[in-house]
Amino acid sequence: MKIVIHAVYASELPRGVGRYCLNLVKYLSNKYENVNFILLIGDWMNGYNFESIIGENVQIVKLKIPKNILLRNIWNLLILPLHIKYRYKPDLIHFTDSSPLLFKSCPTISTIHDVGEFIAPEKYGEFRSWIRRIITRTQVIRSDKIVTVSNTSKDSVVSLKLCESEKISVVYNGVDMEEVSYPEDEVNKYLLCVGPVETAKNIQTAIKAFGQISEKYLDVKLIIVGSRGEGYEEIAQLPKDLGISERVIFKGRVTNEELSSLYRNSILTIFLSEYEGFGYPVIEAMRMSSPVICSNQSCLPEISGGHSFLVNPRNINEIANTLSYVIDNRNNLTERINEARLYSLEYTSDKLAERTFEEYRSIIG
């Protein structure tokens, strides 16, 4: 069996979708050694380091194609299908993210992580959302099977009448976090916020809520982890405007080991995004025994499974009060934290690979 996995992303370093693909390919390679996988990536994606996690049954092809989104999409639209048909001749191709699909040259499965271009178009801007809507509609129609990463995303696809429910399967993301040691003097002195530092992730509201309680907890800081995104300058200015700049720390991107330690050491993790397809930080924090305060919007109530403190992501007073409650009662939440950790263990990359391969089988037999 020969399967092509399309993983050409704009980012040079893995974000949410990139991490999904890293976990998927790693575990597919280990579990199905008799299957030949061909992994297509952009030649600029050096930060993904696929070579270190895969077996001999995975051939990595670094495509020398334009990184520019318009030119890249034209290549995917017109040249890729012929490239697949005549060069690789696979039994199936898996598009791991949104990709223009005018016609297919073999059985096709596509992962639709979310439909933000329909539901939260401000995330991309008007013109880009319009383009993405066209791409998503065409991709869903042309694909033999659609995989979504949550029931919320599936319901959205169906409600938008992009396809029938029977064509969609839900395969949850896998979350891998390793235990790390940490210095005792860094424990429980900060709140943690994880995700790209951009307006769409609602980082600004987390800062405002922290500002409301900052005088009550003078020894507590807010650490924000993630790459710079749309609206970073305004977000970075906000702590200065609120007079708390010395207590809000922007750490940028960190290693997996550093992130694991930051979760483990934190008082709590706050994740206030109003629209997500999955929401990695929620499960990652639970895995590392950090209580989670998260938005009650989109998929987050589903993904957190009743083990987080849900808040209205636009109600700063409610968020601030919930922060205070968790800080004040942190030592009395041990049972709840342990239950959340056990729950988080259901989201494994091994299950992700197994369920995805079942979907491959459902198409090609």
Protein backbone atom coordinates (compact mmCIF):
# COMPACT_ATOMS: atom_id res chain seq x y z
CA MET A 1 0.00 0.00 0.00
CA LYS A 2 1.26 3.47 -0.90
CA ILE A 3 -0.16 6.60 0.73
CA VAL A 4 0.77 10.20 -0.01
CA ILE A 5 0.44 12.66 2.89
CA HIS A 6 0.21 16.28 1.77
CA ALA A 7 1.70 18.54 4.45
CA VAL A 8 2.68 21.75 2.68
CA TYR A 9 2.18 24.57 5.19
CA ALA A 10 3.07 28.25 5.02
CA SER A 11 4.81 28.33 8.40
CA GLU A 12 8.48 27.41 8.68
CA LEU A 13 7.85 26.14 12.21
CA PRO A 14 4.97 23.89 13.37
CA ARG A 15 1.82 25.44 14.79
CA GLY A 16 -1.41 23.57 15.57
CA VAL A 17 -1.90 21.90 12.18
CA GLY A 18 1.82 21.24 11.89
CA ARG A 19 1.86 19.49 15.26
CA TYR A 20 -1.13 17.43 14.17
CA CYS A 21 0.82 16.24 11.15
CA LEU A 22 4.02 15.59 13.10
CA ASN A 23 2.16 13.36 15.55
CA LEU A 24 0.19 11.63 12.80
CA VAL A 25 3.18 10.80 10.60
CA LYS A 26 5.33 9.66 13.53
CA TYR A 27 2.77 7.16 14.77
CA LEU A 28 1.63 6.00 11.32
CA SER A 29 5.26 5.25 10.52
CA ASN A 30 5.74 3.25 13.72
CA LYS A 31 2.43 1.36 13.64
CA TYR A 32 2.23 0.45 9.95
CA GLU A 33 5.74 -0.52 8.90
CA ASN A 34 4.52 -2.43 5.84
CA VAL A 35 2.89 0.66 4.35
CA ASN A 36 4.87 3.07 2.20
CA PHE A 37 4.20 6.71 3.05
CA ILE A 38 5.27 9.63 0.88
CA LEU A 39 5.32 12.89 2.82
CA LEU A 40 5.10 16.05 0.71
CA ILE A 41 6.38 19.21 2.41
CA GLY A 42 7.62 22.61 1.30
CA ASP A 43 11.40 22.98 1.07
CA TRP A 44 11.19 25.93 3.50
CA MET A 45 9.72 23.79 6.33
CA ASN A 46 13.07 23.09 8.01
CA GLY A 47 11.76 23.62 11.53
CA TYR A 48 9.52 20.55 11.42
CA ASN A 49 12.42 18.08 11.65
CA PHE A 50 10.39 15.15 10.29
CA GLU A 51 13.60 13.17 9.71
CA SER A 52 14.10 12.63 13.44
CA ILE A 53 10.72 10.99 14.11
CA ILE A 54 9.96 8.72 11.17
CA GLY A 55 10.95 5.23 10.04
CA GLU A 56 12.35 3.91 6.79
CA ASN A 57 8.85 3.46 5.38
CA VAL A 58 8.41 7.24 5.01
CA GLN A 59 9.88 9.05 2.03
CA ILE A 60 10.14 12.80 2.58
CA VAL A 61 9.78 14.88 -0.58
CA LYS A 62 10.72 18.55 -0.21
CA LEU A 63 8.84 20.29 -2.99
CA LYS A 64 10.63 23.20 -4.62
CA ILE A 65 7.50 25.24 -5.13
CA PRO A 66 6.64 28.89 -4.38
CA LYS A 67 6.06 29.69 -0.73
CA ASN A 68 3.83 32.61 -1.77
CA ILE A 69 0.27 31.58 -0.89
CA LEU A 70 -1.24 32.52 -4.26
CA LEU A 71 1.42 30.78 -6.36
CA ARG A 72 1.47 27.80 -4.02
CA ASN A 73 -2.28 27.36 -4.32
CA ILE A 74 -2.09 27.56 -8.10
CA TRP A 75 0.56 24.83 -8.04
CA ASN A 76 -1.59 22.67 -5.75
CA LEU A 77 -4.62 23.29 -7.93
CA LEU A 78 -3.19 22.55 -11.36
CA ILE A 79 0.11 20.71 -11.10
CA LEU A 80 -0.12 18.61 -7.94
CA PRO A 81 -2.83 16.20 -9.21
CA LEU A 82 -0.72 15.35 -12.27
CA HIS A 83 2.38 15.14 -10.12
CA ILE A 84 0.61 12.62 -7.89
CA LYS A 85 -0.89 10.58 -10.70
CA TYR A 86 2.16 10.13 -12.88
CA ARG A 87 5.06 10.31 -10.42
CA TYR A 88 3.87 8.56 -7.26
CA LYS A 89 0.77 6.57 -8.30
CA PRO A 90 -0.51 6.14 -4.73
CA ASP A 91 -3.48 4.19 -3.47
CA LEU A 92 -4.63 7.30 -1.61
CA ILE A 93 -3.68 10.89 -0.81
CA HIS A 94 -4.38 12.57 2.52
CA PHE A 95 -4.58 16.36 2.57
CA THR A 96 -3.84 17.24 6.19
CA ASP A 97 -5.16 20.80 5.91
CA SER A 98 -7.15 23.05 3.60
CA SER A 99 -5.85 22.84 0.03
CA PRO A 100 -7.34 23.78 -3.36
CA LEU A 101 -8.60 20.64 -5.06
CA LEU A 102 -9.96 21.17 -8.56
CA PHE A 103 -9.75 17.53 -9.56
CA LYS A 104 -8.37 14.40 -7.96
CA SER A 105 -6.09 11.78 -9.44
CA CYS A 106 -6.62 9.08 -6.79
CA PRO A 107 -8.85 8.34 -3.77
CA THR A 108 -8.70 11.37 -1.47
CA ILE A 109 -9.23 12.09 2.21
CA SER A 110 -9.03 15.60 3.69
CA THR A 111 -8.75 16.85 7.25
CA ILE A 112 -10.80 19.98 7.93
CA HIS A 113 -9.59 21.35 11.26
CA ASP A 114 -12.12 24.16 11.44
CA VAL A 115 -14.26 26.38 9.25
CA GLY A 116 -13.20 29.71 10.66
CA GLU A 117 -13.47 31.34 7.24
CA PHE A 118 -17.25 30.82 7.50
CA ILE A 119 -17.86 31.27 11.22
CA ALA A 120 -15.13 33.72 12.28
CA PRO A 121 -14.01 35.45 9.07
CA GLU A 122 -12.31 38.22 11.03
CA LYS A 123 -9.63 35.62 11.79
CA TYR A 124 -8.38 35.86 8.20
CA GLY A 125 -9.79 39.12 6.86
CA GLU A 126 -12.58 39.56 4.32
CA PHE A 127 -10.72 38.76 1.08
CA ARG A 128 -8.70 35.85 2.43
CA SER A 129 -11.81 34.36 4.06
CA TRP A 130 -13.62 34.56 0.71
CA ILE A 131 -10.79 32.64 -0.97
CA ARG A 132 -10.66 30.08 1.83
CA ARG A 133 -14.42 29.50 1.60
CA ILE A 134 -14.06 28.63 -2.08
CA ILE A 135 -11.12 26.32 -1.34
CA THR A 136 -12.93 24.56 1.51
CA ARG A 137 -16.15 24.04 -0.46
CA THR A 138 -14.27 22.58 -3.42
CA GLN A 139 -12.06 20.40 -1.25
CA VAL A 140 -15.00 18.94 0.65
CA ILE A 141 -16.88 18.17 -2.58
CA ARG A 142 -13.89 16.54 -4.30
CA SER A 143 -12.73 14.46 -1.33
CA ASP A 144 -14.02 10.93 -0.85
CA LYS A 145 -13.89 11.33 2.93
CA ILE A 146 -13.64 14.24 5.37
CA VAL A 147 -12.03 14.01 8.80
CA THR A 148 -12.63 16.69 11.42
CA VAL A 149 -10.84 17.03 14.77
CA SER A 150 -13.97 17.60 16.88
CA ASN A 151 -17.70 17.03 16.74
CA THR A 152 -18.10 20.79 16.83
CA SER A 153 -16.18 21.13 13.56
CA LYS A 154 -18.21 18.29 12.06
CA ASP A 155 -21.49 19.91 13.06
CA SER A 156 -20.31 23.19 11.54
CA VAL A 157 -19.45 21.54 8.22
CA VAL A 158 -22.88 19.90 8.12
CA SER A 159 -24.80 23.00 9.19
CA LEU A 160 -23.06 25.00 6.45
CA LYS A 161 -24.30 22.33 4.01
CA LEU A 162 -20.79 21.63 2.77
CA CYS A 163 -21.52 17.89 2.78
CA GLU A 164 -23.68 15.24 4.42
CA SER A 165 -22.88 13.95 7.89
CA GLU A 166 -22.19 10.44 6.57
CA LYS A 167 -19.15 11.68 4.67
CA ILE A 168 -17.47 13.01 7.84
CA SER A 169 -15.63 11.17 10.60
CA VAL A 170 -14.32 12.71 13.81
CA VAL A 171 -10.74 11.81 14.74
CA TYR A 172 -9.48 13.73 17.75
CA ASN A 173 -5.96 15.14 17.79
CA GLY A 174 -3.24 13.40 19.73
CA VAL A 175 -1.41 15.28 22.47
CA ASP A 176 2.08 14.23 23.52
CA MET A 177 3.62 15.94 26.54
CA GLU A 178 6.62 14.49 28.36
CA GLU A 179 7.25 14.81 32.07
CA VAL A 180 10.14 17.10 32.94
CA SER A 181 11.93 18.05 36.14
CA TYR A 182 11.73 21.63 37.35
CA PRO A 183 13.26 23.86 40.03
CA GLU A 184 11.07 24.18 43.10
CA ASP A 185 11.46 27.95 43.36
CA GLU A 186 9.57 28.46 40.09
CA VAL A 187 6.41 26.59 41.08
CA ASN A 188 3.00 28.26 41.29
CA LYS A 189 4.04 31.86 40.83
CA TYR A 190 2.46 32.61 37.48
CA LEU A 191 -0.57 32.15 35.26
CA LEU A 192 0.09 30.72 31.81
CA CYS A 193 -1.42 31.67 28.45
CA VAL A 194 -0.41 29.56 25.42
CA GLY A 195 -1.03 30.20 21.73
CA PRO A 196 -0.02 32.55 18.93
CA VAL A 197 -0.03 36.10 20.30
CA GLU A 198 -2.76 37.44 18.07
CA THR A 199 -6.15 39.07 18.39
CA ALA A 200 -7.98 35.94 17.20
CA LYS A 201 -6.72 34.04 20.25
CA ASN A 202 -8.15 36.71 22.58
CA ILE A 203 -4.86 37.18 24.41
CA GLN A 204 -5.81 40.80 25.05
CA THR A 205 -8.75 39.76 27.22
CA ALA A 206 -6.55 37.49 29.31
CA ILE A 207 -4.24 40.45 29.96
CA LYS A 208 -7.15 42.72 30.92
CA ALA A 209 -8.56 40.12 33.32
CA PHE A 210 -5.13 39.66 34.89
CA GLY A 211 -4.90 43.43 35.22
CA GLN A 212 -8.07 43.45 37.32
CA ILE A 213 -6.63 41.03 39.89
CA SER A 214 -2.97 42.08 39.72
CA GLU A 215 -3.05 44.22 42.87
CA LYS A 216 -4.59 41.39 44.87
CA TYR A 217 -1.82 38.94 43.92
CA LEU A 218 1.36 41.00 43.86
CA ASP A 219 3.68 37.98 43.62
CA VAL A 220 1.86 36.43 40.61
CA LYS A 221 2.86 37.04 36.99
CA LEU A 222 1.28 36.27 33.64
CA ILE A 223 3.48 34.36 31.19
CA ILE A 224 2.41 34.34 27.54
CA VAL A 225 3.94 31.71 25.25
CA GLY A 226 3.61 31.76 21.47
CA SER A 227 4.79 33.28 18.24
CA ARG A 228 3.83 36.78 17.12
CA GLY A 229 0.64 37.00 15.11
CA GLU A 230 -1.86 39.55 13.79
CA GLY A 231 -2.30 42.35 16.30
CA TYR A 232 0.83 41.57 18.32
CA GLU A 233 1.93 45.20 18.67
CA GLU A 234 -1.40 46.25 20.21
CA ILE A 235 -1.39 43.25 22.55
CA ALA A 236 2.21 43.89 23.64
CA GLN A 237 1.34 47.52 24.37
CA LEU A 238 -1.62 46.62 26.60
CA PRO A 239 0.35 45.68 29.76
CA LYS A 240 2.14 49.03 29.55
CA ASP A 241 -1.18 50.85 29.30
CA LEU A 242 -2.47 48.93 32.33
CA GLY A 243 0.68 49.54 34.38
CA ILE A 244 1.54 45.84 34.68
CA SER A 245 4.27 45.51 32.06
CA GLU A 246 6.81 44.16 34.56
CA ARG A 247 4.46 41.32 35.45
CA VAL A 248 3.40 40.23 31.96
CA ILE A 249 6.13 38.23 30.25
CA PHE A 250 6.08 37.46 26.52
CA LYS A 251 8.36 34.45 26.09
CA GLY A 252 7.78 33.85 22.38
CA ARG A 253 8.21 30.32 21.07
CA VAL A 254 9.67 27.73 23.45
CA THR A 255 10.80 24.13 23.11
CA ASN A 256 8.45 21.26 23.93
CA GLU A 257 10.45 20.60 27.10
CA GLU A 258 10.17 24.23 28.19
CA LEU A 259 6.45 24.26 27.45
CA SER A 260 5.91 21.11 29.46
CA SER A 261 7.74 22.63 32.41
CA LEU A 262 5.80 25.90 32.12
CA TYR A 263 2.49 24.04 32.26
CA ARG A 264 3.61 21.91 35.20
CA ASN A 265 4.84 24.87 37.23
CA SER A 266 1.88 27.18 36.62
CA ILE A 267 -0.94 28.08 38.97
CA LEU A 268 -3.34 27.67 36.06
CA THR A 269 -3.63 27.92 32.29
CA ILE A 270 -5.99 30.37 30.61
CA PHE A 271 -7.23 29.88 27.03
CA LEU A 272 -9.89 32.34 25.87
CA SER A 273 -10.06 31.81 22.10
CA GLU A 274 -13.59 32.33 20.80
CA TYR A 275 -13.22 29.94 17.90
CA GLU A 276 -11.16 26.75 17.68
CA GLY A 277 -11.31 23.46 15.83
CA PHE A 278 -9.63 21.63 18.71
CA GLY A 279 -7.58 23.70 21.19
CA TYR A 280 -4.30 21.95 22.05
CA PRO A 281 -3.43 24.03 25.14
CA VAL A 282 -6.52 22.78 26.99
CA ILE A 283 -5.46 19.13 26.84
CA GLU A 284 -1.76 19.90 27.21
CA ALA A 285 -2.39 21.82 30.42
CA MET A 286 -4.56 19.04 31.84
CA ARG A 287 -1.86 16.50 30.98
CA MET A 288 0.65 18.56 32.98
CA SER A 289 -1.75 19.03 35.94
CA SER A 290 -2.45 22.70 35.34
CA PRO A 291 -6.07 23.76 36.03
CA VAL A 292 -7.67 25.22 32.91
CA ILE A 293 -9.85 28.29 32.53
CA CYS A 294 -11.15 28.34 28.99
CA SER A 295 -13.74 29.87 26.71
CA ASN A 296 -17.24 28.41 26.66
CA GLN A 297 -17.36 28.90 22.88
CA SER A 298 -16.94 26.60 19.85
CA CYS A 299 -15.35 23.21 20.54
CA LEU A 300 -13.76 24.01 23.91
CA PRO A 301 -16.58 22.69 26.14
CA GLU A 302 -16.48 19.47 24.08
CA ILE A 303 -12.71 19.08 24.18
CA SER A 304 -12.36 19.93 27.87
CA GLY A 305 -15.04 17.38 28.73
CA GLY A 306 -16.32 19.08 31.87
CA HIS A 307 -12.84 19.29 33.41
CA SER A 308 -12.17 23.00 32.88
CA PHE A 309 -13.58 26.22 34.31
CA LEU A 310 -15.66 27.61 31.44
CA VAL A 311 -16.09 31.36 31.09
CA ASN A 312 -17.61 33.84 28.68
CA PRO A 313 -14.51 34.95 26.71
CA ARG A 314 -15.86 38.50 26.44
CA ASN A 315 -16.79 38.97 30.09
CA ILE A 316 -13.68 40.34 31.76
CA ASN A 317 -15.26 40.48 35.21
CA GLU A 318 -16.31 36.83 35.05
CA ILE A 319 -12.84 35.81 33.89
CA ALA A 320 -11.15 37.84 36.63
CA ASN A 321 -13.42 36.32 39.30
CA THR A 322 -12.67 32.81 38.03
CA LEU A 323 -8.94 33.52 38.06
CA SER A 324 -9.23 34.63 41.66
CA TYR A 325 -11.23 31.54 42.61
CA VAL A 326 -8.68 29.13 41.16
CA ILE A 327 -5.71 31.01 42.65
CA ASP A 328 -7.33 31.09 46.10
CA ASN A 329 -8.40 27.43 45.98
CA ARG A 330 -5.47 25.93 44.06
CA ASN A 331 -4.47 23.63 46.92
CA ASN A 332 -8.03 22.29 47.24
CA LEU A 333 -8.35 21.30 43.58
CA THR A 334 -6.15 18.20 43.68
CA GLU A 335 -8.94 15.74 42.95
CA ARG A 336 -10.27 17.82 40.07
CA ILE A 337 -6.77 18.24 38.64
CA ASN A 338 -6.11 14.49 38.81
CA GLU A 339 -9.43 13.72 37.10
CA ALA A 340 -8.59 16.18 34.34
CA ARG A 341 -5.19 14.58 33.87
CA LEU A 342 -6.72 11.12 33.53
CA TYR A 343 -9.23 12.48 31.04
CA SER A 344 -6.47 14.08 28.96
CA LEU A 345 -4.81 10.68 28.50
CA GLU A 346 -7.65 9.75 26.13
CA TYR A 347 -6.14 12.11 23.54
CA THR A 348 -3.15 10.12 22.30
CA SER A 349 -1.28 10.23 19.01
CA ASP A 350 -1.45 6.44 18.89
CA LYS A 351 -5.26 6.70 18.73
CA LEU A 352 -4.97 9.48 16.17
CA ALA A 353 -2.87 7.27 13.86
CA GLU A 354 -5.06 4.20 14.39
CA ARG A 355 -8.33 5.99 13.71
CA THR A 356 -6.89 7.82 10.69
CA PHE A 357 -5.64 4.57 9.19
CA GLU A 358 -9.12 3.10 9.67
CA GLU A 359 -10.41 5.94 7.50
CA TYR A 360 -7.79 5.13 4.87
CA ARG A 361 -8.99 1.53 4.90
CA SER A 362 -12.60 2.58 4.56
CA ILE A 363 -11.74 4.21 1.24
CA ILE A 364 -9.27 1.82 -0.37
CA GLY A 365 -10.19 -1.44 1.35
